[in-house]
Protein backbone atom coordinates (compact mmCIF):
# COMPACT_ATOMS: atom_id res chain seq x y z
CA MET A 1 -24.23 49.47 -14.54
CA THR A 2 -25.58 47.19 -11.82
CA ILE A 3 -29.18 46.09 -12.16
CA ASN A 4 -31.49 46.02 -9.15
CA THR A 5 -32.55 42.41 -9.63
CA ALA A 6 -35.57 42.85 -7.37
CA LYS A 7 -36.98 45.14 -10.08
CA ALA A 8 -35.58 43.44 -13.19
CA THR A 9 -38.10 43.08 -15.99
CA GLY A 10 -38.25 40.56 -18.79
CA ARG A 11 -37.43 37.49 -16.68
CA ARG A 12 -38.69 34.06 -17.65
CA THR A 13 -41.22 32.17 -15.54
CA LEU A 14 -39.76 28.73 -14.85
CA ARG A 15 -40.86 25.66 -12.91
CA PHE A 16 -38.45 22.72 -12.67
CA GLU A 17 -39.51 19.32 -11.37
CA SER A 18 -36.11 17.62 -11.73
CA PHE A 19 -32.41 18.30 -12.04
CA ASP A 20 -32.58 16.87 -15.57
CA ALA A 21 -35.00 19.66 -16.49
CA VAL A 22 -32.66 22.29 -15.01
CA LEU A 23 -29.69 20.84 -16.87
CA ALA A 24 -31.60 20.70 -20.17
CA ASP A 25 -32.46 24.39 -19.83
CA ALA A 26 -28.89 25.24 -18.81
CA GLU A 27 -27.50 23.35 -21.82
CA ARG A 28 -29.80 25.32 -24.12
CA LEU A 29 -28.53 28.57 -22.58
CA VAL A 30 -24.89 27.50 -22.89
CA ASN A 31 -25.24 26.32 -26.50
CA GLY A 32 -27.52 28.96 -27.94
CA PRO A 33 -27.38 32.69 -28.03
CA CYS A 34 -28.94 34.29 -24.97
CA HIS A 35 -28.82 37.49 -22.99
CA THR A 36 -29.24 38.36 -19.34
CA VAL A 37 -31.64 40.75 -17.64
CA GLY A 38 -29.62 40.46 -14.44
CA ASN A 39 -26.04 41.10 -13.39
CA TRP A 40 -24.43 37.70 -13.92
CA THR A 41 -23.38 35.86 -17.06
CA VAL A 42 -24.54 32.34 -17.89
CA GLY A 43 -21.29 31.00 -16.47
CA GLN A 44 -21.65 32.98 -13.23
CA ASN A 45 -25.26 31.86 -12.70
CA LEU A 46 -24.36 28.20 -13.24
CA ASP A 47 -21.24 28.54 -11.09
CA HIS A 48 -23.34 30.00 -8.25
CA LEU A 49 -25.88 27.17 -8.49
CA ALA A 50 -23.10 24.58 -8.36
CA ARG A 51 -21.42 26.34 -5.42
CA THR A 52 -24.59 26.29 -3.33
CA VAL A 53 -24.89 22.53 -3.73
CA ARG A 54 -21.19 21.93 -3.03
CA ILE A 55 -21.29 24.16 0.08
CA SER A 56 -24.26 22.18 1.40
CA PHE A 57 -21.95 19.16 1.53
CA ASP A 58 -18.48 20.57 2.11
CA GLY A 59 -18.97 23.93 3.83
CA PRO A 60 -17.96 26.50 4.78
CA HIS A 61 -20.41 26.30 7.64
CA ILE A 62 -22.31 29.60 7.62
CA LEU A 63 -25.38 30.37 9.72
CA ALA A 64 -27.86 33.23 9.64
CA PRO A 65 -28.31 35.12 12.92
CA TRP A 66 -29.96 32.96 15.59
CA PHE A 67 -33.11 35.11 15.84
CA ALA A 68 -33.76 34.69 12.11
CA ARG A 69 -33.27 30.91 12.31
CA VAL A 70 -35.51 30.59 15.38
CA PHE A 71 -38.25 33.17 14.82
CA VAL A 72 -38.45 33.68 11.04
CA ALA A 73 -37.21 30.54 9.27
CA PRO A 74 -39.93 28.15 10.52
CA PHE A 75 -42.60 30.31 8.89
CA LEU A 76 -40.80 30.56 5.54
CA LYS A 77 -39.32 27.10 5.05
CA LYS A 78 -42.24 25.49 3.17
CA ASN A 79 -42.52 28.45 0.78
CA PHE A 80 -38.81 28.32 -0.06
CA ILE A 81 -39.12 24.65 -0.97
CA THR A 82 -42.37 24.81 -2.92
CA LYS A 83 -42.82 28.36 -4.28
CA SER A 84 -40.77 30.68 -6.46
CA MET A 85 -37.96 32.52 -4.72
CA GLY A 86 -37.91 36.30 -4.77
CA SER A 87 -35.06 38.16 -6.42
CA GLY A 88 -32.88 40.95 -5.11
CA PHE A 89 -31.03 39.12 -2.32
CA GLN A 90 -27.85 40.90 -1.23
CA PHE A 91 -24.84 38.88 -0.10
CA THR A 92 -23.19 39.75 3.18
CA LYS A 93 -19.39 39.61 3.44
CA GLU A 94 -19.75 36.37 5.43
CA MET A 95 -21.38 34.79 2.40
CA ALA A 96 -18.46 35.38 0.02
CA ALA A 97 -18.16 31.64 -0.68
CA PHE A 98 -21.55 31.74 -2.42
CA ARG A 99 -20.50 34.46 -4.88
CA PRO A 100 -19.74 33.20 -8.37
CA ASP A 101 -16.31 33.38 -9.91
CA ASP A 102 -16.13 36.54 -12.05
CA ASN A 103 -14.35 34.51 -14.74
CA ALA A 104 -16.64 31.46 -14.66
CA THR A 105 -17.17 30.03 -18.11
CA ALA A 106 -20.52 28.64 -19.13
CA ALA A 107 -19.19 25.23 -20.23
CA ALA A 108 -17.07 24.60 -17.12
CA SER A 109 -19.84 25.81 -14.80
CA LEU A 110 -22.37 23.54 -16.52
CA ASP A 111 -20.04 20.56 -16.02
CA GLU A 112 -19.65 21.41 -12.33
CA LEU A 113 -23.41 21.87 -11.93
CA ARG A 114 -23.98 18.48 -13.55
CA GLN A 115 -21.55 16.89 -11.05
CA GLN A 116 -23.09 18.61 -8.04
CA TYR A 117 -26.65 17.72 -9.04
CA GLY A 118 -25.50 14.12 -9.47
CA ARG A 119 -24.09 14.19 -5.97
CA LEU A 120 -27.28 15.70 -4.55
CA SER A 121 -29.33 13.06 -6.37
CA ARG A 122 -27.40 10.31 -4.56
CA GLU A 123 -26.69 11.85 -1.15
CA THR A 124 -28.20 14.12 1.48
CA PRO A 125 -26.11 17.21 2.30
CA THR A 126 -24.28 17.07 5.59
CA GLU A 127 -24.15 20.79 6.37
CA PRO A 128 -27.19 22.52 7.88
CA HIS A 129 -28.86 25.06 5.64
CA PRO A 130 -27.64 28.55 6.74
CA PHE A 131 -31.20 29.71 7.43
CA PHE A 132 -33.38 26.59 7.80
CA GLY A 133 -30.97 24.23 9.56
CA LYS A 134 -31.19 20.48 9.03
CA LEU A 135 -33.20 19.55 5.95
CA ALA A 136 -34.43 16.21 4.62
CA HIS A 137 -33.18 15.11 1.21
CA ASP A 138 -36.41 16.04 -0.59
CA GLU A 139 -36.31 19.48 1.04
CA TRP A 140 -32.75 20.05 -0.23
CA VAL A 141 -33.82 19.00 -3.72
CA GLY A 142 -36.88 21.27 -3.68
CA MET A 143 -34.83 24.21 -2.46
CA GLN A 144 -32.20 23.71 -5.17
CA LEU A 145 -34.86 23.44 -7.89
CA ARG A 146 -36.48 26.70 -6.72
CA HIS A 147 -33.02 28.29 -6.59
CA ALA A 148 -32.32 27.24 -10.18
CA GLU A 149 -35.66 28.70 -11.30
CA LEU A 150 -34.69 32.03 -9.78
CA HIS A 151 -31.26 32.29 -11.36
CA LEU A 152 -32.07 30.86 -14.77
CA SER A 153 -35.08 33.18 -15.04
CA PHE A 154 -32.64 36.05 -15.65
CA LEU A 155 -31.17 34.29 -18.71
CA ILE A 156 -33.22 34.74 -21.86
CA PRO A 157 -32.65 32.59 -24.97
CA ASP A 158 -32.45 34.71 -28.12
CA ALA A 159 -34.61 33.80 -31.09
CA ALA A 160 -32.67 31.72 -33.59
């Protein structure tokens, strides 16, 4: 059964200030027992987070409709970088590259996320953001931290 993630209950409230903090939480989820209150496994969530960073450097180049980029994005950009992201986003078929691998393993996805965060720590992405266009390095970092908060909030560590 597919969960409507916009209405999912039991999520964690997270606030990450660094990629090290994200990776520490991800390692805890990979190594300990946990369950999800969303639709994706630990491996799929981590794979998706790694993909979004990799795509920001290597493509594919995907853009939201022009009217959204011109008339909506300027009013939302600061919130996406500084505030929690809402859940329930639905991928379009053009966004298939952002979908996680159905068979993504937690350990391999964590390794890939570690590599991609390392890359983002050293470099500024070359691709424009699909919705916000060209971003400064600190804006990319803020957006990826908020994105990690969203996805990892669906993963709940079980009591030991």
